[in-house]
């Protein structure tokens, strides 16, 4: 089984946010919820080389915000919005 892509992680985030009345969640909440939405491989579960104490897939959640100025990114494409400490649907209030 191959690793999940940043796009797959972003789509899982979008699905989670759509299921919430507020349309937003903290990164911590998303990290707790995503394994219920994606099948993570052993590769995904390996420790990130650049972020100690984090699995590679967890880094991908944070990369959604880090890569927000890159074409193809969910924030860049208007599917998600960065908010302090988390992510939201673009139409959500920007407070957690």
Protein backbone atom coordinates (compact mmCIF):
# COMPACT_ATOMS: atom_id res chain seq x y z
CA UNK A 1 0.00 0.00 0.00
CA UNK A 2 1.40 3.39 -0.95
CA UNK A 3 1.35 6.58 1.07
CA UNK A 4 -1.64 8.91 1.05
CA UNK A 5 -1.17 12.13 -0.88
CA UNK A 6 -1.54 15.65 0.44
CA UNK A 7 -4.60 15.96 -1.80
CA UNK A 8 -6.20 12.87 -0.22
CA UNK A 9 -5.50 14.28 3.24
CA UNK A 10 -7.03 17.62 2.22
CA UNK A 11 -10.13 15.87 0.87
CA UNK A 12 -10.48 14.01 4.19
CA UNK A 13 -10.14 17.33 6.04
CA UNK A 14 -12.82 18.85 3.82
CA UNK A 15 -15.18 15.92 4.53
CA UNK A 16 -14.59 16.24 8.28
CA UNK A 17 -15.24 19.99 8.20
CA UNK A 18 -18.43 19.52 6.16
CA UNK A 19 -19.73 17.20 8.88
CA UNK A 20 -19.25 19.87 11.55
CA UNK A 21 -21.77 22.61 12.18
CA UNK A 22 -18.98 25.15 12.62
CA UNK A 23 -17.18 24.04 9.44
CA UNK A 24 -13.85 24.26 11.24
CA UNK A 25 -11.48 22.23 13.42
CA UNK A 26 -8.12 22.49 15.12
CA UNK A 27 -5.17 20.65 13.62
CA UNK A 28 -5.18 18.47 16.75
CA UNK A 29 -8.83 17.51 16.16
CA UNK A 30 -8.14 16.77 12.49
CA UNK A 31 -5.16 14.57 13.37
CA UNK A 32 -7.41 12.60 15.73
CA UNK A 33 -10.19 12.27 13.14
CA UNK A 34 -8.36 11.59 9.86
CA UNK A 35 -7.45 7.93 10.60
CA UNK A 36 -11.22 7.27 10.63
CA UNK A 37 -11.43 8.59 7.05
CA UNK A 38 -8.25 7.35 5.39
CA UNK A 39 -6.54 4.00 5.25
CA UNK A 40 -3.01 4.82 6.42
CA UNK A 41 -0.14 2.58 5.39
CA UNK A 42 2.97 1.65 7.34
CA UNK A 43 4.79 4.27 5.26
CA UNK A 44 2.29 6.93 6.35
CA UNK A 45 2.82 5.98 9.99
CA UNK A 46 6.62 6.36 9.88
CA UNK A 47 8.13 9.22 11.83
CA UNK A 48 8.70 12.38 9.83
CA UNK A 49 12.38 13.15 9.30
CA UNK A 50 11.75 16.90 9.52
CA UNK A 51 9.20 16.97 12.35
CA UNK A 52 10.13 14.78 15.32
CA UNK A 53 7.24 13.17 17.22
CA UNK A 54 5.02 13.33 14.14
CA UNK A 55 4.05 10.69 11.61
CA UNK A 56 4.47 11.53 7.94
CA UNK A 57 0.70 11.74 7.40
CA UNK A 58 0.37 14.18 10.32
CA UNK A 59 2.93 16.41 8.64
CA UNK A 60 0.76 16.33 5.52
CA UNK A 61 -2.12 17.84 7.54
CA UNK A 62 0.09 20.76 8.53
CA UNK A 63 1.46 21.00 4.99
CA UNK A 64 -1.99 22.06 3.80
CA UNK A 65 -1.35 25.39 5.52
CA UNK A 66 2.39 25.46 4.78
CA UNK A 67 1.83 25.00 1.04
CA UNK A 68 -1.16 27.36 0.78
CA UNK A 69 0.49 29.48 -1.93
CA UNK A 70 1.06 26.50 -4.25
CA UNK A 71 -1.29 25.72 -7.15
CA UNK A 72 -3.19 22.51 -6.46
CA UNK A 73 -3.22 23.12 -2.69
CA UNK A 74 -6.70 23.02 -1.11
CA UNK A 75 -6.32 26.50 0.39
CA UNK A 76 -4.92 27.95 -2.84
CA UNK A 77 -7.83 26.36 -4.75
CA UNK A 78 -10.40 27.84 -2.31
CA UNK A 79 -11.59 24.52 -0.86
CA UNK A 80 -10.19 25.17 2.62
CA UNK A 81 -9.16 28.22 4.65
CA UNK A 82 -6.37 28.56 7.19
CA UNK A 83 -7.52 29.82 10.58
CA UNK A 84 -5.50 30.26 13.79
CA UNK A 85 -4.64 26.75 14.99
CA UNK A 86 -6.62 24.91 12.36
CA UNK A 87 -8.52 24.74 9.10
CA UNK A 88 -12.02 25.73 8.03
CA UNK A 89 -14.34 25.65 5.09
CA UNK A 90 -13.97 28.96 3.23
CA UNK A 91 -17.43 30.13 4.28
CA UNK A 92 -16.91 29.43 8.01
CA UNK A 93 -16.27 32.07 10.65
CA UNK A 94 -12.55 32.32 11.30
CA UNK A 95 -12.64 31.59 15.01
CA UNK A 96 -12.29 28.30 16.87
